[in-house]
N, C-alpha and C. Protein backbone atom coordinates (compact mmCIF):
# COMPACT_ATOMS: atom_id res chain seq x y z
N GLN A 1 134.23 120.62 97.64
CA GLN A 1 134.00 119.43 98.45
C GLN A 1 132.57 119.46 99.00
N VAL A 2 131.86 118.33 98.78
CA VAL A 2 130.49 118.25 99.22
C VAL A 2 130.41 117.89 100.68
N GLN A 3 129.58 118.63 101.41
CA GLN A 3 129.36 118.32 102.86
C GLN A 3 127.90 118.34 103.13
N LEU A 4 127.45 117.37 103.94
CA LEU A 4 126.11 117.31 104.47
C LEU A 4 126.21 117.27 105.99
N VAL A 5 125.50 118.14 106.62
CA VAL A 5 125.53 118.17 108.08
C VAL A 5 124.13 118.11 108.65
N GLU A 6 123.85 117.11 109.43
CA GLU A 6 122.57 116.98 110.12
C GLU A 6 122.64 117.67 111.47
N SER A 7 121.54 118.24 111.89
CA SER A 7 121.47 118.88 113.21
C SER A 7 120.05 118.78 113.76
N GLY A 8 119.89 119.09 115.03
CA GLY A 8 118.57 119.13 115.61
C GLY A 8 118.16 117.86 116.39
N GLY A 9 119.05 116.91 116.45
CA GLY A 9 118.74 115.68 117.17
C GLY A 9 118.83 115.89 118.68
N GLY A 10 118.64 114.78 119.40
CA GLY A 10 118.74 114.86 120.87
C GLY A 10 117.76 113.92 121.56
N LEU A 11 117.53 114.23 122.79
CA LEU A 11 116.63 113.42 123.63
C LEU A 11 115.26 114.09 123.71
N VAL A 12 114.25 113.30 123.50
CA VAL A 12 112.87 113.82 123.59
C VAL A 12 112.01 112.80 124.26
N HIS A 13 110.99 113.23 124.99
CA HIS A 13 110.05 112.33 125.65
C HIS A 13 109.07 111.71 124.63
N PRO A 14 108.56 110.55 124.91
CA PRO A 14 107.52 110.00 124.02
C PRO A 14 106.36 110.98 123.83
N GLY A 15 105.90 111.09 122.62
CA GLY A 15 104.85 112.05 122.31
C GLY A 15 105.38 113.41 121.89
N GLY A 16 106.65 113.62 122.08
CA GLY A 16 107.25 114.93 121.73
C GLY A 16 107.63 115.02 120.28
N SER A 17 108.22 116.17 119.93
CA SER A 17 108.54 116.49 118.55
C SER A 17 110.01 116.94 118.42
N LEU A 18 110.57 116.71 117.28
CA LEU A 18 111.90 117.23 116.93
C LEU A 18 111.87 117.61 115.48
N ARG A 19 112.71 118.58 115.12
CA ARG A 19 112.89 118.90 113.72
C ARG A 19 114.38 118.76 113.41
N LEU A 20 114.68 117.84 112.53
CA LEU A 20 116.06 117.66 112.07
C LEU A 20 116.32 118.54 110.84
N SER A 21 117.54 119.00 110.74
CA SER A 21 117.95 119.78 109.56
C SER A 21 119.10 119.06 108.87
N CYS A 22 119.15 119.26 107.59
CA CYS A 22 120.25 118.72 106.77
C CYS A 22 120.73 119.84 105.86
N THR A 23 121.94 120.34 106.15
CA THR A 23 122.45 121.46 105.37
C THR A 23 123.60 121.01 104.53
N ALA A 24 123.50 121.40 103.26
CA ALA A 24 124.50 120.96 102.27
C ALA A 24 125.34 122.11 101.80
N SER A 25 126.52 121.77 101.37
CA SER A 25 127.43 122.76 100.77
C SER A 25 128.28 122.07 99.70
N GLY A 26 128.74 122.87 98.75
CA GLY A 26 129.63 122.31 97.72
C GLY A 26 128.92 121.77 96.53
N LEU A 27 127.59 122.01 96.44
CA LEU A 27 126.87 121.55 95.26
C LEU A 27 125.63 122.42 95.09
N THR A 28 124.91 122.17 93.97
CA THR A 28 123.68 122.94 93.68
C THR A 28 122.53 122.20 94.33
N PHE A 29 122.24 122.56 95.53
CA PHE A 29 121.26 121.83 96.40
C PHE A 29 119.92 121.65 95.71
N SER A 30 119.45 122.67 95.03
CA SER A 30 118.09 122.67 94.50
C SER A 30 117.87 121.58 93.47
N THR A 31 118.90 121.00 92.90
CA THR A 31 118.73 119.99 91.84
C THR A 31 118.70 118.56 92.39
N TYR A 32 118.82 118.42 93.68
CA TYR A 32 118.91 117.09 94.29
C TYR A 32 117.66 116.71 95.02
N THR A 33 117.38 115.40 94.97
CA THR A 33 116.35 114.81 95.86
C THR A 33 117.01 114.50 97.20
N ILE A 34 116.31 114.83 98.29
CA ILE A 34 116.83 114.62 99.62
C ILE A 34 116.13 113.42 100.24
N TYR A 35 116.91 112.48 100.70
CA TYR A 35 116.39 111.30 101.37
C TYR A 35 116.71 111.37 102.84
N TRP A 36 115.82 110.83 103.64
CA TRP A 36 116.11 110.61 105.05
C TRP A 36 116.04 109.11 105.34
N PHE A 37 117.04 108.65 106.08
CA PHE A 37 117.12 107.27 106.53
C PHE A 37 117.32 107.26 108.02
N ARG A 38 117.15 106.08 108.61
CA ARG A 38 117.50 105.95 110.03
C ARG A 38 118.01 104.54 110.30
N GLN A 39 118.79 104.43 111.34
CA GLN A 39 119.35 103.12 111.69
C GLN A 39 119.40 103.02 113.19
N ALA A 40 118.69 102.03 113.73
CA ALA A 40 118.72 101.77 115.16
C ALA A 40 119.77 100.70 115.44
N PRO A 41 120.24 100.65 116.66
CA PRO A 41 121.28 99.69 116.99
C PRO A 41 120.85 98.25 116.68
N GLY A 42 121.72 97.53 115.97
CA GLY A 42 121.40 96.13 115.64
C GLY A 42 120.42 95.93 114.53
N LYS A 43 120.01 97.04 113.85
CA LYS A 43 119.03 96.91 112.80
C LYS A 43 119.60 97.48 111.49
N GLU A 44 118.95 97.09 110.40
CA GLU A 44 119.33 97.61 109.10
C GLU A 44 118.93 99.09 108.97
N ARG A 45 119.64 99.79 108.14
CA ARG A 45 119.25 101.17 107.84
C ARG A 45 117.91 101.09 107.09
N GLU A 46 116.98 101.97 107.45
CA GLU A 46 115.69 101.96 106.80
C GLU A 46 115.31 103.32 106.26
N PHE A 47 114.58 103.31 105.19
CA PHE A 47 114.12 104.50 104.51
C PHE A 47 113.02 105.19 105.31
N VAL A 48 113.12 106.50 105.47
CA VAL A 48 112.12 107.27 106.15
C VAL A 48 111.26 108.04 105.17
N GLY A 49 111.90 108.72 104.23
CA GLY A 49 111.13 109.47 103.25
C GLY A 49 112.07 110.30 102.35
N PHE A 50 111.48 110.99 101.37
CA PHE A 50 112.26 111.88 100.52
C PHE A 50 111.46 113.05 100.06
N ILE A 51 112.15 114.07 99.61
CA ILE A 51 111.55 115.21 98.94
C ILE A 51 112.35 115.44 97.67
N SER A 52 111.64 115.46 96.55
CA SER A 52 112.32 115.63 95.28
C SER A 52 112.73 117.06 95.07
N TYR A 53 113.51 117.29 93.99
CA TYR A 53 113.90 118.66 93.67
C TYR A 53 112.70 119.50 93.37
N ALA A 54 111.60 118.88 92.92
CA ALA A 54 110.36 119.59 92.59
C ALA A 54 109.44 119.73 93.83
N GLY A 55 109.84 119.18 94.97
CA GLY A 55 109.05 119.34 96.16
C GLY A 55 108.06 118.19 96.40
N ARG A 56 108.11 117.15 95.61
CA ARG A 56 107.22 116.03 95.83
C ARG A 56 107.80 115.16 97.01
N THR A 57 106.90 114.75 97.87
CA THR A 57 107.36 113.97 99.02
C THR A 57 106.80 112.55 99.00
N ASN A 58 107.48 111.67 99.66
CA ASN A 58 107.06 110.30 99.80
C ASN A 58 107.60 109.78 101.13
N TYR A 59 106.78 109.00 101.81
CA TYR A 59 107.15 108.54 103.14
C TYR A 59 107.00 107.05 103.31
N ALA A 60 107.84 106.51 104.14
CA ALA A 60 107.70 105.09 104.49
C ALA A 60 106.50 104.91 105.44
N ASP A 61 105.94 103.75 105.41
CA ASP A 61 104.80 103.49 106.29
C ASP A 61 105.13 103.66 107.77
N LEU A 62 106.42 103.49 108.09
CA LEU A 62 106.81 103.59 109.51
C LEU A 62 106.54 104.96 110.07
N THR A 63 106.43 105.98 109.19
CA THR A 63 106.23 107.34 109.74
C THR A 63 104.79 107.53 110.24
N LYS A 64 103.87 106.70 109.78
CA LYS A 64 102.49 106.69 110.24
C LYS A 64 101.90 108.10 110.18
N ASN A 65 102.24 108.83 109.17
CA ASN A 65 101.76 110.23 108.99
C ASN A 65 102.19 111.14 110.12
N ARG A 66 103.25 110.83 110.79
CA ARG A 66 103.73 111.69 111.86
C ARG A 66 104.88 112.58 111.45
N PHE A 67 105.52 112.23 110.29
CA PHE A 67 106.70 112.94 109.87
C PHE A 67 106.42 113.79 108.60
N ALA A 68 107.14 114.88 108.46
CA ALA A 68 107.00 115.67 107.26
C ALA A 68 108.38 116.20 106.85
N ILE A 69 108.62 116.12 105.55
CA ILE A 69 109.88 116.56 105.01
C ILE A 69 109.64 117.84 104.18
N SER A 70 110.53 118.81 104.35
CA SER A 70 110.42 120.04 103.58
C SER A 70 111.83 120.50 103.22
N ARG A 71 111.91 121.53 102.39
CA ARG A 71 113.23 122.01 101.99
C ARG A 71 113.18 123.51 101.79
N ASP A 72 114.31 124.13 101.98
CA ASP A 72 114.48 125.55 101.71
C ASP A 72 115.75 125.66 100.86
N ASN A 73 115.54 125.77 99.55
CA ASN A 73 116.70 125.77 98.65
C ASN A 73 117.59 126.98 98.86
N ALA A 74 117.01 128.08 99.24
CA ALA A 74 117.82 129.27 99.48
C ALA A 74 118.81 129.08 100.61
N LYS A 75 118.49 128.17 101.52
CA LYS A 75 119.36 127.89 102.65
C LYS A 75 120.10 126.56 102.45
N ALA A 76 119.88 125.93 101.31
CA ALA A 76 120.49 124.61 101.03
C ALA A 76 120.25 123.67 102.23
N THR A 77 119.03 123.68 102.69
CA THR A 77 118.67 122.90 103.87
C THR A 77 117.35 122.14 103.67
N ALA A 78 117.35 120.91 104.13
CA ALA A 78 116.13 120.10 104.17
C ALA A 78 115.80 119.83 105.62
N TYR A 79 114.51 119.60 105.87
CA TYR A 79 114.04 119.39 107.24
C TYR A 79 113.22 118.10 107.33
N LEU A 80 113.36 117.51 108.51
CA LEU A 80 112.51 116.35 108.84
C LEU A 80 111.80 116.69 110.13
N GLN A 81 110.53 117.02 110.03
CA GLN A 81 109.71 117.31 111.21
C GLN A 81 109.12 116.01 111.72
N MET A 82 109.37 115.69 112.95
CA MET A 82 108.91 114.46 113.53
C MET A 82 108.01 114.77 114.73
N ASN A 83 106.79 114.31 114.68
CA ASN A 83 105.83 114.53 115.75
C ASN A 83 105.38 113.18 116.37
N SER A 84 104.78 113.26 117.52
CA SER A 84 104.28 112.07 118.22
C SER A 84 105.33 110.97 118.23
N LEU A 85 106.51 111.34 118.67
CA LEU A 85 107.62 110.38 118.64
C LEU A 85 107.42 109.28 119.64
N GLU A 86 107.90 108.08 119.20
CA GLU A 86 107.80 106.89 120.01
C GLU A 86 109.18 106.34 120.28
N ALA A 87 109.27 105.48 121.29
CA ALA A 87 110.59 104.90 121.60
C ALA A 87 111.20 104.22 120.39
N GLU A 88 110.33 103.61 119.58
CA GLU A 88 110.80 102.88 118.37
C GLU A 88 111.43 103.82 117.35
N ASP A 89 111.24 105.09 117.49
CA ASP A 89 111.82 106.08 116.55
C ASP A 89 113.25 106.39 116.92
N SER A 90 113.73 105.91 118.04
CA SER A 90 115.11 106.16 118.47
C SER A 90 116.05 105.50 117.44
N ALA A 91 117.01 106.32 116.94
CA ALA A 91 117.90 105.84 115.90
C ALA A 91 118.87 106.95 115.57
N VAL A 92 119.85 106.60 114.75
CA VAL A 92 120.66 107.64 114.11
C VAL A 92 119.96 107.95 112.78
N TYR A 93 119.74 109.23 112.54
CA TYR A 93 119.06 109.66 111.35
C TYR A 93 120.08 110.30 110.37
N TYR A 94 119.95 109.89 109.12
CA TYR A 94 120.88 110.35 108.10
C TYR A 94 120.10 111.04 106.99
N CYS A 95 120.71 112.06 106.39
CA CYS A 95 120.18 112.61 105.17
C CYS A 95 121.13 112.23 104.02
N SER A 96 120.57 112.19 102.84
CA SER A 96 121.33 111.83 101.67
C SER A 96 120.82 112.63 100.49
N LEU A 97 121.73 113.03 99.65
CA LEU A 97 121.35 113.70 98.41
C LEU A 97 121.47 112.73 97.24
N ASP A 98 120.34 112.42 96.67
CA ASP A 98 120.30 111.53 95.50
C ASP A 98 120.91 110.16 95.80
N ASN A 99 120.96 109.79 97.03
CA ASN A 99 121.60 108.52 97.44
C ASN A 99 123.06 108.45 96.95
N ILE A 100 123.64 109.62 96.74
CA ILE A 100 125.07 109.68 96.35
C ILE A 100 125.88 110.20 97.52
N TYR A 101 125.40 111.27 98.11
CA TYR A 101 126.11 111.88 99.26
C TYR A 101 125.34 111.56 100.54
N LEU A 102 126.03 111.23 101.60
CA LEU A 102 125.43 110.83 102.83
C LEU A 102 126.02 111.62 103.98
N GLY A 103 125.17 112.16 104.85
CA GLY A 103 125.63 112.85 106.03
C GLY A 103 126.17 111.88 107.05
N ARG A 104 126.75 112.40 108.13
CA ARG A 104 127.32 111.58 109.18
C ARG A 104 126.27 111.03 110.11
N GLY A 105 125.09 111.61 110.11
CA GLY A 105 124.02 111.12 110.94
C GLY A 105 123.93 111.91 112.27
N ILE A 106 122.76 111.82 112.85
CA ILE A 106 122.56 112.46 114.14
C ILE A 106 121.63 111.60 114.99
N GLN A 107 121.95 111.53 116.27
CA GLN A 107 121.19 110.66 117.18
C GLN A 107 119.90 111.32 117.61
N VAL A 108 118.86 110.48 117.55
CA VAL A 108 117.55 110.84 118.13
C VAL A 108 117.20 109.75 119.15
N THR A 109 116.94 110.18 120.35
CA THR A 109 116.57 109.25 121.41
C THR A 109 115.26 109.65 122.00
N VAL A 110 114.30 108.73 121.96
CA VAL A 110 112.96 108.96 122.51
C VAL A 110 112.84 108.12 123.77
N SER A 111 112.78 108.82 124.92
CA SER A 111 112.79 108.09 126.19
C SER A 111 112.23 108.98 127.28
N LEU A 112 111.74 108.31 128.31
CA LEU A 112 111.23 109.04 129.49
C LEU A 112 112.40 109.61 130.30
C-alpha cells in the first residue's frame, strides 16, 4: 500500500523559513518525480515545483526563488525548503509522486 506523509508545517512569522518533508512508503521512491502543490482557502490548487528522479528541479514563478526542492532517496523523502515566507504562502501543501499518488497535505500558516 502506497503512503505519502507530509510533515514540517505549522505557523511561522513573515520572513521566516520552514522545511516540509514528504516521506513515501510502499513503492520504489527513487524512480518517481516528486511534485509539490499548494491550495489556499477558496483558491485552486497550484503547482509549486518538482524534482525529477534524476534530480532536475523546476519551480513555479510564485516561489520567486525562495523555495528549493531536494530529495534523499535512501530515506524515501523529499523536501521543500521555503524561505522568506509571506502571508500569501499560507496554504495546505501537498506532495505528489508522478501526479499519481497524493499526500493528505499539511498546513502552513504565515502570520504575525
